[in-house]
């Protein structure tokens, strides 16, 4: 019997690729996505409207579990709300949470620690991959994504709203991770492996919020 899994879903390329890896694994069956969203109805960090993420889940044929977080969100409240998601996944017979993290050891340690004692295990199918090679593989495999958030301290704001493609990779300055693993940028996937239909999306206003530059996506 295959292990049932949820994928930690940010709406971006890494979690989408991790989902594909998990679906291809004979030992696991992905039965849902879990995401965190602000009370303003946007996915945390990426700033993507929740309605677009719901369309992603529908195109992928998976239910979406949303953890709404207040702003600000004290650590105790974050843990309480995430425990609710953990309990919900267990009630669905889930034994594994899949993450798209690549090489940040502190982030991985946090994920693993948060599941200690819950009965769940963390799986990192992309861990340790060469990010330049992984980025090219994603694009060659048909993944289509837009840069929805840029950290202006690490990458010029002009990159926000651009397609994540070979031309963008060529334009990234030295020192910027091709997968944005150091927080340089975040993406929204609008098509790719596993999608039954593409997500129609347009780039709207570019705004600055909380020190980051966002392209508001319209769909």
N, C-alpha and C. Protein backbone atom coordinates (compact mmCIF):
# COMPACT_ATOMS: atom_id res chain seq x y z
N UNK A 1 0.84 -1.20 0.00
CA UNK A 1 0.00 0.00 0.00
C UNK A 1 0.88 1.26 0.00
N UNK A 2 0.59 2.18 -0.90
CA UNK A 2 1.41 3.38 -1.01
C UNK A 2 1.12 4.37 0.11
N UNK A 3 2.17 5.10 0.51
CA UNK A 3 2.02 6.12 1.53
C UNK A 3 1.27 7.32 0.95
N UNK A 4 0.33 7.85 1.74
CA UNK A 4 -0.42 9.03 1.30
C UNK A 4 0.35 10.28 1.72
N UNK A 5 0.39 11.27 0.81
CA UNK A 5 1.22 12.45 1.05
C UNK A 5 0.47 13.73 0.70
N UNK A 6 0.81 14.77 1.43
CA UNK A 6 0.44 16.13 1.08
C UNK A 6 1.71 16.86 0.65
N UNK A 7 1.57 17.80 -0.28
CA UNK A 7 2.69 18.64 -0.70
C UNK A 7 2.52 20.03 -0.12
N UNK A 8 3.58 20.52 0.51
CA UNK A 8 3.59 21.90 1.01
C UNK A 8 3.66 22.81 -0.21
N UNK A 9 2.62 23.61 -0.41
CA UNK A 9 2.39 24.28 -1.70
C UNK A 9 2.48 25.80 -1.55
N UNK A 10 3.50 26.38 -2.20
CA UNK A 10 3.67 27.84 -2.19
C UNK A 10 3.16 28.49 -3.45
N UNK A 11 2.84 27.68 -4.46
CA UNK A 11 2.40 28.08 -5.80
C UNK A 11 3.55 28.21 -6.77
N UNK A 12 4.79 27.98 -6.31
CA UNK A 12 5.96 28.21 -7.15
C UNK A 12 6.54 26.95 -7.80
N UNK A 13 7.62 27.18 -8.53
CA UNK A 13 8.24 26.14 -9.36
C UNK A 13 8.83 24.98 -8.56
N UNK A 14 9.42 25.27 -7.39
CA UNK A 14 10.07 24.20 -6.63
C UNK A 14 9.05 23.21 -6.08
N UNK A 15 7.97 23.73 -5.51
CA UNK A 15 6.97 22.80 -4.97
C UNK A 15 6.27 22.06 -6.11
N UNK A 16 6.10 22.73 -7.27
CA UNK A 16 5.48 22.06 -8.41
C UNK A 16 6.37 20.92 -8.91
N UNK A 17 7.68 21.15 -8.91
CA UNK A 17 8.61 20.10 -9.34
C UNK A 17 8.66 18.97 -8.30
N UNK A 18 8.63 19.33 -7.02
CA UNK A 18 8.60 18.32 -5.97
C UNK A 18 7.32 17.48 -6.07
N UNK A 19 6.21 18.12 -6.41
CA UNK A 19 4.96 17.38 -6.61
C UNK A 19 5.13 16.36 -7.72
N UNK A 20 5.74 16.78 -8.83
CA UNK A 20 5.95 15.86 -9.93
C UNK A 20 6.82 14.67 -9.54
N UNK A 21 7.86 14.95 -8.76
CA UNK A 21 8.73 13.87 -8.29
C UNK A 21 7.97 12.92 -7.37
N UNK A 22 7.16 13.48 -6.49
CA UNK A 22 6.40 12.64 -5.55
C UNK A 22 5.37 11.80 -6.28
N UNK A 23 4.73 12.37 -7.30
CA UNK A 23 3.74 11.62 -8.06
C UNK A 23 4.39 10.49 -8.85
N UNK A 24 5.65 10.68 -9.24
CA UNK A 24 6.35 9.66 -10.01
C UNK A 24 6.91 8.54 -9.14
N UNK A 25 6.90 8.77 -7.83
CA UNK A 25 7.47 7.80 -6.90
C UNK A 25 6.46 6.67 -6.64
N UNK A 26 6.90 5.46 -6.83
CA UNK A 26 6.00 4.32 -6.70
C UNK A 26 5.50 4.11 -5.28
N UNK A 27 6.25 4.63 -4.29
CA UNK A 27 5.88 4.35 -2.90
C UNK A 27 4.88 5.34 -2.34
N UNK A 28 4.60 6.44 -3.06
CA UNK A 28 3.73 7.47 -2.49
C UNK A 28 2.56 7.81 -3.41
N UNK A 29 1.51 8.31 -2.80
CA UNK A 29 0.33 8.80 -3.51
C UNK A 29 0.01 10.18 -2.97
N UNK A 30 0.15 11.21 -3.80
CA UNK A 30 -0.16 12.57 -3.37
C UNK A 30 -1.67 12.75 -3.39
N UNK A 31 -2.22 13.15 -2.23
CA UNK A 31 -3.67 13.27 -2.10
C UNK A 31 -4.10 14.68 -1.72
N UNK A 32 -3.17 15.63 -1.67
CA UNK A 32 -3.57 16.99 -1.33
C UNK A 32 -2.40 17.95 -1.31
N UNK A 33 -2.75 19.24 -1.29
CA UNK A 33 -1.80 20.33 -1.16
C UNK A 33 -2.14 21.12 0.09
N UNK A 34 -1.12 21.69 0.73
CA UNK A 34 -1.36 22.53 1.90
C UNK A 34 -0.60 23.83 1.72
N UNK A 35 -1.28 24.95 1.93
CA UNK A 35 -0.65 26.25 1.75
C UNK A 35 -1.01 27.18 2.89
N UNK A 36 -0.18 28.20 3.09
CA UNK A 36 -0.47 29.22 4.09
C UNK A 36 -0.84 30.51 3.37
N UNK A 37 -1.85 31.18 3.88
CA UNK A 37 -2.32 32.42 3.27
C UNK A 37 -2.59 33.46 4.34
N UNK A 38 -2.39 34.70 3.98
CA UNK A 38 -2.66 35.79 4.91
C UNK A 38 -4.16 36.05 4.98
N UNK A 39 -4.55 36.83 5.96
CA UNK A 39 -5.96 37.20 6.09
C UNK A 39 -6.43 38.07 4.92
N UNK A 40 -5.47 38.60 4.14
CA UNK A 40 -5.79 39.37 2.94
C UNK A 40 -6.03 38.49 1.73
N UNK A 41 -5.93 37.17 1.91
CA UNK A 41 -6.20 36.25 0.83
C UNK A 41 -5.06 36.10 -0.15
N UNK A 42 -3.82 36.21 0.36
CA UNK A 42 -2.65 36.03 -0.49
C UNK A 42 -1.72 34.99 0.12
N UNK A 43 -1.10 34.21 -0.75
CA UNK A 43 -0.18 33.19 -0.28
C UNK A 43 1.03 33.85 0.37
N UNK A 44 1.40 33.38 1.55
CA UNK A 44 2.50 33.96 2.30
C UNK A 44 3.79 33.88 1.48
N UNK A 45 4.58 34.94 1.50
CA UNK A 45 5.87 35.10 0.80
C UNK A 45 5.69 35.39 -0.68
N UNK A 46 4.87 34.64 -1.38
CA UNK A 46 4.74 34.84 -2.82
C UNK A 46 3.77 35.96 -3.17
N UNK A 47 2.83 36.26 -2.29
CA UNK A 47 1.89 37.34 -2.53
C UNK A 47 0.85 37.05 -3.60
N UNK A 48 0.68 35.80 -3.95
CA UNK A 48 -0.26 35.42 -5.01
C UNK A 48 -1.68 35.34 -4.45
N UNK A 49 -2.67 35.88 -5.17
CA UNK A 49 -4.05 35.76 -4.71
C UNK A 49 -4.45 34.29 -4.53
N UNK A 50 -5.12 34.01 -3.45
CA UNK A 50 -5.50 32.63 -3.14
C UNK A 50 -6.37 32.03 -4.24
N UNK A 51 -7.18 32.86 -4.90
CA UNK A 51 -8.05 32.35 -5.97
C UNK A 51 -7.24 31.69 -7.08
N UNK A 52 -6.05 32.24 -7.38
CA UNK A 52 -5.21 31.64 -8.41
C UNK A 52 -4.62 30.31 -7.94
N UNK A 53 -4.30 30.22 -6.67
CA UNK A 53 -3.78 28.97 -6.13
C UNK A 53 -4.86 27.89 -6.14
N UNK A 54 -6.08 28.28 -5.88
CA UNK A 54 -7.19 27.33 -5.95
C UNK A 54 -7.35 26.81 -7.38
N UNK A 55 -7.11 27.67 -8.37
CA UNK A 55 -7.17 27.23 -9.76
C UNK A 55 -6.02 26.28 -10.08
N UNK A 56 -4.85 26.52 -9.50
CA UNK A 56 -3.75 25.58 -9.67
C UNK A 56 -4.16 24.20 -9.16
N UNK A 57 -4.69 24.16 -7.94
CA UNK A 57 -5.06 22.89 -7.34
C UNK A 57 -6.09 22.15 -8.20
N UNK A 58 -7.06 22.91 -8.73
CA UNK A 58 -8.08 22.29 -9.58
C UNK A 58 -7.44 21.72 -10.85
N UNK A 59 -6.49 22.46 -11.44
CA UNK A 59 -5.83 22.00 -12.65
C UNK A 59 -4.95 20.78 -12.38
N UNK A 60 -4.48 20.65 -11.15
CA UNK A 60 -3.66 19.51 -10.76
C UNK A 60 -4.50 18.34 -10.24
N UNK A 61 -5.80 18.57 -10.07
CA UNK A 61 -6.70 17.52 -9.61
C UNK A 61 -6.51 17.14 -8.17
N UNK A 62 -6.14 18.15 -7.33
CA UNK A 62 -5.87 17.87 -5.92
C UNK A 62 -6.62 18.86 -5.03
N UNK A 63 -7.12 18.39 -3.88
CA UNK A 63 -7.73 19.31 -2.92
C UNK A 63 -6.67 20.20 -2.27
N UNK A 64 -7.06 21.42 -1.94
CA UNK A 64 -6.16 22.39 -1.33
C UNK A 64 -6.61 22.68 0.09
N UNK A 65 -5.70 22.48 1.05
CA UNK A 65 -5.97 22.83 2.44
C UNK A 65 -5.27 24.15 2.74
N UNK A 66 -6.05 25.14 3.17
CA UNK A 66 -5.51 26.48 3.40
C UNK A 66 -5.40 26.75 4.90
N UNK A 67 -4.20 27.18 5.31
CA UNK A 67 -3.97 27.60 6.69
C UNK A 67 -3.91 29.12 6.68
N UNK A 68 -4.92 29.76 7.22
CA UNK A 68 -4.94 31.23 7.24
C UNK A 68 -4.15 31.74 8.44
N UNK A 69 -3.23 32.66 8.16
CA UNK A 69 -2.37 33.22 9.20
C UNK A 69 -2.66 34.71 9.37
N UNK A 70 -2.81 35.17 10.60
CA UNK A 70 -3.02 36.60 10.83
C UNK A 70 -1.73 37.37 10.60
N UNK A 71 -1.84 38.68 10.49
CA UNK A 71 -0.65 39.52 10.35
C UNK A 71 -0.72 40.67 11.34
N UNK A 72 0.23 40.74 12.27
CA UNK A 72 1.36 39.81 12.44
C UNK A 72 0.90 38.47 13.01
N UNK A 73 1.79 37.48 12.89
CA UNK A 73 1.47 36.14 13.38
C UNK A 73 2.51 35.69 14.39
N UNK A 74 2.21 35.80 15.68
CA UNK A 74 3.16 35.33 16.70
C UNK A 74 3.46 33.85 16.51
N UNK A 75 4.64 33.43 16.90
CA UNK A 75 5.08 32.06 16.68
C UNK A 75 4.13 31.05 17.31
N UNK A 76 3.61 31.36 18.49
CA UNK A 76 2.70 30.43 19.15
C UNK A 76 1.43 30.23 18.33
N UNK A 77 0.93 31.32 17.74
CA UNK A 77 -0.28 31.22 16.91
C UNK A 77 0.01 30.46 15.62
N UNK A 78 1.20 30.70 15.04
CA UNK A 78 1.59 29.95 13.84
C UNK A 78 1.62 28.45 14.13
N UNK A 79 2.23 28.08 15.23
CA UNK A 79 2.31 26.67 15.58
C UNK A 79 0.93 26.07 15.81
N UNK A 80 0.03 26.84 16.44
CA UNK A 80 -1.31 26.34 16.70
C UNK A 80 -2.05 26.07 15.40
N UNK A 81 -1.94 27.00 14.47
CA UNK A 81 -2.67 26.84 13.21
C UNK A 81 -2.06 25.75 12.34
N UNK A 82 -0.74 25.62 12.37
CA UNK A 82 -0.12 24.54 11.60
C UNK A 82 -0.44 23.18 12.20
N UNK A 83 -0.62 23.14 13.52
CA UNK A 83 -1.02 21.88 14.15
C UNK A 83 -2.39 21.46 13.64
N UNK A 84 -3.25 22.44 13.39
CA UNK A 84 -4.55 22.12 12.82
C UNK A 84 -4.43 21.46 11.45
N UNK A 85 -3.47 21.95 10.64
CA UNK A 85 -3.24 21.35 9.33
C UNK A 85 -2.66 19.95 9.46
N UNK A 86 -1.76 19.78 10.41
CA UNK A 86 -1.19 18.46 10.66
C UNK A 86 -2.28 17.47 11.05
N UNK A 87 -3.14 17.90 11.96
CA UNK A 87 -4.23 17.03 12.40
C UNK A 87 -5.15 16.68 11.23
N UNK A 88 -5.42 17.67 10.38
CA UNK A 88 -6.29 17.43 9.23
C UNK A 88 -5.67 16.40 8.28
N UNK A 89 -4.35 16.52 8.05
CA UNK A 89 -3.69 15.57 7.15
C UNK A 89 -3.72 14.15 7.74
N UNK A 90 -3.52 14.05 9.04
CA UNK A 90 -3.57 12.73 9.68
C UNK A 90 -4.96 12.12 9.56
N UNK A 91 -5.98 12.95 9.65
CA UNK A 91 -7.35 12.45 9.54
C UNK A 91 -7.65 11.93 8.14
N UNK A 92 -6.84 12.36 7.15
CA UNK A 92 -6.98 11.88 5.78
C UNK A 92 -6.02 10.72 5.49
N UNK A 93 -5.41 10.18 6.53
CA UNK A 93 -4.53 9.04 6.35
C UNK A 93 -3.17 9.38 5.78
N UNK A 94 -2.79 10.66 5.87
CA UNK A 94 -1.51 11.10 5.33
C UNK A 94 -0.39 10.75 6.30
N UNK A 95 0.74 10.29 5.75
CA UNK A 95 1.89 9.96 6.59
C UNK A 95 3.12 10.79 6.23
N UNK A 96 3.07 11.52 5.09
CA UNK A 96 4.24 12.26 4.60
C UNK A 96 3.85 13.64 4.11
N UNK A 97 4.66 14.64 4.48
CA UNK A 97 4.56 15.97 3.90
C UNK A 97 5.76 16.16 2.99
N UNK A 98 5.52 16.58 1.77
CA UNK A 98 6.57 16.75 0.76
C UNK A 98 6.89 18.24 0.63
N UNK A 99 8.19 18.56 0.62
CA UNK A 99 8.64 19.94 0.52
C UNK A 99 9.56 20.12 -0.69
N UNK A 100 9.56 21.34 -1.24
CA UNK A 100 10.38 21.65 -2.40
C UNK A 100 11.70 22.31 -2.09
N UNK A 101 12.14 22.26 -0.84
CA UNK A 101 13.39 22.91 -0.46
C UNK A 101 14.58 22.24 -1.16
N UNK A 102 15.62 23.05 -1.42
CA UNK A 102 16.75 22.58 -2.21
C UNK A 102 18.03 22.40 -1.42
N UNK A 103 18.43 23.43 -0.64
CA UNK A 103 19.70 23.27 0.06
C UNK A 103 19.87 24.11 1.33
N UNK A 104 18.85 24.77 1.81
CA UNK A 104 18.97 25.57 3.03
C UNK A 104 18.76 24.66 4.24
N UNK A 105 19.87 24.33 4.91
CA UNK A 105 19.81 23.35 6.00
C UNK A 105 18.95 23.82 7.16
N UNK A 106 18.96 25.13 7.46
CA UNK A 106 18.16 25.62 8.58
C UNK A 106 16.67 25.50 8.30
N UNK A 107 16.29 25.72 7.05
CA UNK A 107 14.87 25.58 6.68
C UNK A 107 14.45 24.12 6.77
N UNK A 108 15.30 23.24 6.27
CA UNK A 108 14.98 21.81 6.35
C UNK A 108 14.85 21.36 7.81
N UNK A 109 15.77 21.82 8.64
CA UNK A 109 15.73 21.44 10.05
C UNK A 109 14.44 21.92 10.71
N UNK A 110 14.00 23.13 10.35
CA UNK A 110 12.75 23.65 10.89
C UNK A 110 11.57 22.79 10.47
N UNK A 111 11.53 22.41 9.19
CA UNK A 111 10.44 21.56 8.71
C UNK A 111 10.41 20.24 9.48
N UNK A 112 11.56 19.62 9.58
CA UNK A 112 11.62 18.32 10.23
C UNK A 112 11.25 18.42 11.70
N UNK A 113 11.74 19.47 12.37
CA UNK A 113 11.44 19.63 13.79
C UNK A 113 9.96 19.85 14.03
N UNK A 114 9.31 20.56 13.10
CA UNK A 114 7.88 20.85 13.27
C UNK A 114 7.02 19.60 13.18
N UNK A 115 7.56 18.53 12.61
CA UNK A 115 6.79 17.29 12.48
C UNK A 115 7.16 16.24 13.52
N UNK A 116 8.16 16.54 14.35
CA UNK A 116 8.58 15.59 15.38
C UNK A 116 7.40 15.30 16.33
N UNK A 117 7.12 14.04 16.55
CA UNK A 117 6.07 13.64 17.46
C UNK A 117 4.67 13.66 16.89
N UNK A 118 4.55 14.03 15.59
CA UNK A 118 3.21 14.11 14.99
C UNK A 118 2.80 12.81 14.30
N UNK A 119 3.78 11.95 14.01
CA UNK A 119 3.49 10.76 13.23
C UNK A 119 3.72 10.97 11.74
N UNK A 120 4.04 12.21 11.35
CA UNK A 120 4.33 12.53 9.95
C UNK A 120 5.84 12.57 9.73
N UNK A 121 6.24 12.29 8.50
CA UNK A 121 7.64 12.44 8.12
C UNK A 121 7.74 13.46 6.99
N UNK A 122 8.90 14.13 6.92
CA UNK A 122 9.14 15.13 5.87
C UNK A 122 9.96 14.48 4.75
N UNK A 123 9.56 14.79 3.52
CA UNK A 123 10.28 14.27 2.35
C UNK A 123 10.73 15.45 1.49
N UNK A 124 11.98 15.42 1.04
CA UNK A 124 12.58 16.51 0.26
C UNK A 124 13.14 15.93 -1.05
N UNK A 125 12.29 15.70 -2.03
CA UNK A 125 12.75 15.00 -3.25
C UNK A 125 13.75 15.78 -4.09
N UNK A 126 13.86 17.11 -3.90
CA UNK A 126 14.80 17.90 -4.70
C UNK A 126 16.08 18.23 -3.95
N UNK A 127 16.21 17.73 -2.74
CA UNK A 127 17.30 18.15 -1.87
C UNK A 127 18.67 17.85 -2.48
N UNK A 128 19.53 18.86 -2.44
CA UNK A 128 20.91 18.70 -2.87
C UNK A 128 21.13 18.79 -4.37
N UNK A 129 20.09 19.03 -5.15
CA UNK A 129 20.26 19.12 -6.59
C UNK A 129 21.06 20.39 -6.95
N UNK A 130 21.84 20.30 -8.01
CA UNK A 130 22.51 21.49 -8.54
C UNK A 130 21.43 22.43 -9.10
N UNK A 131 21.34 23.64 -8.55
CA UNK A 131 20.21 24.50 -8.89
C UNK A 131 20.25 25.03 -10.32
N UNK A 132 21.44 25.23 -10.88
CA UNK A 132 21.52 25.68 -12.27
C UNK A 132 21.00 24.59 -13.21
N UNK A 133 21.41 23.36 -12.94
CA UNK A 133 20.92 22.24 -13.75
C UNK A 133 19.43 22.01 -13.53
N UNK A 134 18.99 22.11 -12.29
CA UNK A 134 17.58 21.91 -11.98
C UNK A 134 16.72 22.96 -12.68
N UNK A 135 17.16 24.21 -12.67
CA UNK A 135 16.41 25.27 -13.33
C UNK A 135 16.23 24.98 -14.82
N UNK A 136 17.29 24.55 -15.46
CA UNK A 136 17.20 24.24 -16.90
C UNK A 136 16.29 23.04 -17.14
N UNK A 137 16.35 22.06 -16.24
CA UNK A 137 15.50 20.87 -16.38
C UNK A 137 14.03 21.23 -16.23
N UNK A 138 13.71 22.10 -15.27
CA UNK A 138 12.33 22.54 -15.09
C UNK A 138 11.78 23.15 -16.38
N UNK A 139 12.54 24.08 -16.94
CA UNK A 139 12.09 24.80 -18.13
C UNK A 139 11.98 23.87 -19.32
N UNK A 140 12.98 23.01 -19.50
CA UNK A 140 12.95 22.05 -20.61
C UNK A 140 11.79 21.08 -20.49
N UNK A 141 11.36 20.81 -19.25
CA UNK A 141 10.26 19.88 -19.01
C UNK A 141 8.89 20.49 -19.20
N UNK A 142 8.82 21.76 -19.56
CA UNK A 142 7.54 22.39 -19.85
C UNK A 142 6.96 23.24 -18.74
N UNK A 143 7.69 23.41 -17.63
CA UNK A 143 7.19 24.26 -16.56
C UNK A 143 7.15 25.71 -17.02
N UNK A 144 6.04 26.38 -16.77
CA UNK A 144 5.89 27.80 -17.11
C UNK A 144 5.54 28.56 -15.84
N UNK A 145 6.33 29.58 -15.53
CA UNK A 145 6.14 30.32 -14.28
C UNK A 145 6.50 31.79 -14.48
N UNK A 146 5.98 32.61 -13.59
CA UNK A 146 6.22 34.05 -13.59
C UNK A 146 6.86 34.44 -12.27
N UNK A 147 7.84 35.33 -12.31
CA UNK A 147 8.39 35.87 -11.07
C UNK A 147 7.37 36.82 -10.47
N UNK A 148 6.83 36.43 -9.33
CA UNK A 148 5.78 37.22 -8.69
C UNK A 148 6.28 38.07 -7.54
N UNK A 149 7.51 37.78 -7.06
CA UNK A 149 8.07 38.53 -5.94
C UNK A 149 9.59 38.56 -6.08
N UNK A 150 10.17 39.75 -5.82
CA UNK A 150 11.62 39.92 -5.87
C UNK A 150 12.06 40.63 -4.60
N UNK A 151 13.18 40.17 -4.06
CA UNK A 151 13.83 40.87 -2.95
C UNK A 151 14.79 41.89 -3.56
N UNK A 152 14.47 43.19 -3.50
CA UNK A 152 15.29 44.19 -4.18
C UNK A 152 16.70 44.32 -3.60
N UNK A 153 16.91 43.77 -2.41
CA UNK A 153 18.26 43.78 -1.84
C UNK A 153 19.16 42.76 -2.52
N UNK A 154 18.56 41.81 -3.26
CA UNK A 154 19.34 40.75 -3.91
C UNK A 154 19.20 40.71 -5.42
N UNK A 155 18.11 41.29 -5.94
CA UNK A 155 17.85 41.23 -7.38
C UNK A 155 17.09 42.48 -7.81
N UNK A 156 17.45 43.01 -8.97
CA UNK A 156 16.81 44.24 -9.46
C UNK A 156 15.30 44.04 -9.62
N UNK A 157 14.50 44.98 -9.17
CA UNK A 157 13.04 44.85 -9.25
C UNK A 157 12.51 44.68 -10.67
N UNK A 158 13.31 45.02 -11.68
CA UNK A 158 12.85 44.88 -13.07
C UNK A 158 12.59 43.42 -13.44
N UNK A 159 13.09 42.50 -12.65
CA UNK A 159 12.86 41.08 -12.94
C UNK A 159 11.45 40.63 -12.55
N UNK A 160 10.79 41.35 -11.67
CA UNK A 160 9.47 40.91 -11.24
C UNK A 160 8.48 41.00 -12.40
N UNK A 161 7.64 39.98 -12.52
CA UNK A 161 6.67 39.92 -13.60
C UNK A 161 7.18 39.22 -14.85
N UNK A 162 8.47 38.87 -14.88
CA UNK A 162 9.03 38.20 -16.05
C UNK A 162 8.76 36.70 -16.01
N UNK A 163 8.73 36.10 -17.19
CA UNK A 163 8.61 34.65 -17.28
C UNK A 163 9.92 34.00 -16.82
N UNK A 164 9.77 32.90 -16.12
CA UNK A 164 10.93 32.12 -15.69
C UNK A 164 11.33 31.22 -16.86
N UNK A 165 12.25 31.70 -17.67
CA UNK A 165 12.65 30.96 -18.86
C UNK A 165 14.15 31.07 -19.07
N UNK A 166 14.62 30.52 -20.18
CA UNK A 166 16.06 30.50 -20.44
C UNK A 166 16.62 31.91 -20.54
N UNK A 167 15.85 32.84 -21.10
CA UNK A 167 16.32 34.21 -21.21
C UNK A 167 16.50 34.85 -19.84
N UNK A 168 15.59 34.57 -18.94
CA UNK A 168 15.73 35.10 -17.58
C UNK A 168 16.95 34.52 -16.89
N UNK A 169 17.16 33.22 -17.03
CA UNK A 169 18.33 32.60 -16.40
C UNK A 169 19.62 33.25 -16.91
N UNK A 170 19.65 33.54 -18.21
CA UNK A 170 20.85 34.16 -18.78
C UNK A 170 21.06 35.57 -18.26
N UNK A 171 19.98 36.24 -17.87
CA UNK A 171 20.07 37.63 -17.40
C UNK A 171 20.35 37.76 -15.91
N UNK A 172 20.22 36.67 -15.17
CA UNK A 172 20.45 36.75 -13.73
C UNK A 172 21.91 37.13 -13.46
N UNK A 173 22.13 38.09 -12.57
CA UNK A 173 23.51 38.48 -12.27
C UNK A 173 24.25 37.41 -11.47
N UNK A 174 25.57 37.42 -11.51
CA UNK A 174 26.35 36.45 -10.72
C UNK A 174 25.98 36.54 -9.24
N UNK A 175 25.92 35.40 -8.60
CA UNK A 175 25.61 35.36 -7.18
C UNK A 175 24.15 35.13 -6.87
N UNK A 176 23.27 35.28 -7.87
CA UNK A 176 21.84 35.01 -7.68
C UNK A 176 21.58 33.55 -8.02
N UNK A 177 20.99 32.83 -7.10
CA UNK A 177 20.71 31.42 -7.31
C UNK A 177 19.70 31.26 -8.45
N UNK A 178 19.97 30.39 -9.42
CA UNK A 178 19.05 30.21 -10.55
C UNK A 178 17.65 29.76 -10.15
N UNK A 179 17.53 29.17 -8.96
CA UNK A 179 16.22 28.78 -8.45
C UNK A 179 15.70 29.74 -7.38
N UNK A 180 16.46 30.81 -7.11
CA UNK A 180 16.03 31.77 -6.09
C UNK A 180 15.97 31.18 -4.70
N UNK A 181 16.82 30.19 -4.45
CA UNK A 181 16.73 29.45 -3.18
C UNK A 181 17.12 30.29 -1.98
N UNK A 182 17.84 31.37 -2.20
CA UNK A 182 18.22 32.25 -1.09
C UNK A 182 17.23 33.38 -0.88
N UNK A 183 16.05 33.25 -1.48
CA UNK A 183 15.01 34.26 -1.30
C UNK A 183 15.09 35.41 -2.28
N UNK A 184 15.92 35.28 -3.33
CA UNK A 184 16.06 36.36 -4.30
C UNK A 184 14.74 36.64 -5.03
N UNK A 185 14.00 35.58 -5.31
CA UNK A 185 12.72 35.74 -6.01
C UNK A 185 11.83 34.54 -5.72
N UNK A 186 10.54 34.74 -5.97
CA UNK A 186 9.55 33.67 -5.87
C UNK A 186 8.74 33.64 -7.16
N UNK A 187 8.15 32.49 -7.45
CA UNK A 187 7.43 32.31 -8.71
C UNK A 187 6.01 31.80 -8.51
N UNK A 188 5.23 31.96 -9.57
CA UNK A 188 3.89 31.35 -9.65
C UNK A 188 3.86 30.50 -10.91
N UNK A 189 3.54 29.22 -10.76
CA UNK A 189 3.49 28.29 -11.89
C UNK A 189 2.11 28.36 -12.54
N UNK A 190 2.09 28.62 -13.85
CA UNK A 190 0.78 28.68 -14.52
C UNK A 190 0.58 27.56 -15.53
N UNK A 191 1.58 26.72 -15.71
CA UNK A 191 1.41 25.53 -16.55
C UNK A 191 2.62 24.63 -16.34
N UNK A 192 2.46 23.39 -16.75
CA UNK A 192 3.57 22.46 -16.62
C UNK A 192 3.10 21.04 -16.44
N UNK A 193 4.04 20.12 -16.21
CA UNK A 193 3.68 18.72 -16.01
C UNK A 193 2.64 18.55 -14.89
N UNK A 194 1.61 17.78 -15.16
CA UNK A 194 0.58 17.53 -14.16
C UNK A 194 -0.63 18.45 -14.28
N UNK A 195 -0.49 19.57 -14.98
CA UNK A 195 -1.62 20.50 -15.15
C UNK A 195 -2.53 19.99 -16.27
N UNK A 196 -3.81 19.88 -15.99
CA UNK A 196 -4.76 19.48 -17.03
C UNK A 196 -5.08 20.64 -17.96
N UNK A 197 -5.00 21.86 -17.44
CA UNK A 197 -5.20 23.08 -18.23
C UNK A 197 -4.23 24.14 -17.71
N UNK A 198 -3.78 25.05 -18.58
CA UNK A 198 -2.94 26.15 -18.09
C UNK A 198 -3.79 27.15 -17.31
N UNK A 199 -3.13 27.90 -16.43
CA UNK A 199 -3.80 28.95 -15.66
C UNK A 199 -3.61 30.26 -16.41
N UNK A 200 -4.71 30.82 -16.89
CA UNK A 200 -4.64 32.11 -17.59
C UNK A 200 -4.37 33.21 -16.57
N UNK A 201 -3.26 33.94 -16.76
CA UNK A 201 -2.87 34.96 -15.78
C UNK A 201 -2.19 36.12 -16.49
N UNK A 202 -2.42 37.32 -15.98
CA UNK A 202 -1.79 38.51 -16.50
C UNK A 202 -1.05 39.22 -15.38
N UNK A 203 0.01 39.92 -15.74
CA UNK A 203 0.77 40.70 -14.77
C UNK A 203 0.13 42.07 -14.64
N UNK A 204 -0.29 42.40 -13.42
CA UNK A 204 -0.91 43.69 -13.16
C UNK A 204 0.08 44.69 -12.58
N UNK A 205 -0.37 45.44 -11.62
CA UNK A 205 0.44 46.50 -11.02
C UNK A 205 1.64 45.92 -10.26
N UNK A 206 2.76 46.59 -10.36
CA UNK A 206 3.94 46.25 -9.58
C UNK A 206 3.95 47.14 -8.33
N UNK A 207 4.00 46.52 -7.16
CA UNK A 207 3.90 47.27 -5.91
C UNK A 207 4.99 46.81 -4.95
N UNK A 208 5.30 47.65 -3.99
CA UNK A 208 6.24 47.30 -2.93
C UNK A 208 5.48 47.14 -1.64
N UNK A 209 5.69 45.99 -0.99
CA UNK A 209 5.05 45.72 0.30
C UNK A 209 6.07 45.08 1.23
N UNK A 210 6.22 45.64 2.41
CA UNK A 210 7.07 45.05 3.44
C UNK A 210 8.51 44.80 2.96
N UNK A 211 9.01 45.68 2.12
CA UNK A 211 10.39 45.59 1.68
C UNK A 211 10.60 44.68 0.48
N UNK A 212 9.55 44.11 -0.09
CA UNK A 212 9.66 43.26 -1.27
C UNK A 212 8.86 43.88 -2.42
N UNK A 213 9.22 43.54 -3.64
CA UNK A 213 8.53 44.05 -4.83
C UNK A 213 7.70 42.91 -5.41
N UNK A 214 6.40 43.17 -5.59
CA UNK A 214 5.47 42.16 -6.06
C UNK A 214 4.84 42.58 -7.39
N UNK A 215 4.63 41.62 -8.26
CA UNK A 215 3.78 41.81 -9.42
C UNK A 215 2.43 41.22 -9.09
N UNK A 216 1.42 42.06 -9.00
CA UNK A 216 0.09 41.55 -8.72
C UNK A 216 -0.41 40.77 -9.93
N UNK A 217 -0.77 39.54 -9.73
CA UNK A 217 -1.21 38.67 -10.82
C UNK A 217 -2.73 38.71 -10.91
N UNK A 218 -3.21 38.81 -12.13
CA UNK A 218 -4.64 38.89 -12.39
C UNK A 218 -5.05 37.68 -13.22
N UNK A 219 -6.16 37.08 -12.87
CA UNK A 219 -6.59 35.90 -13.62
C UNK A 219 -8.10 35.83 -13.71
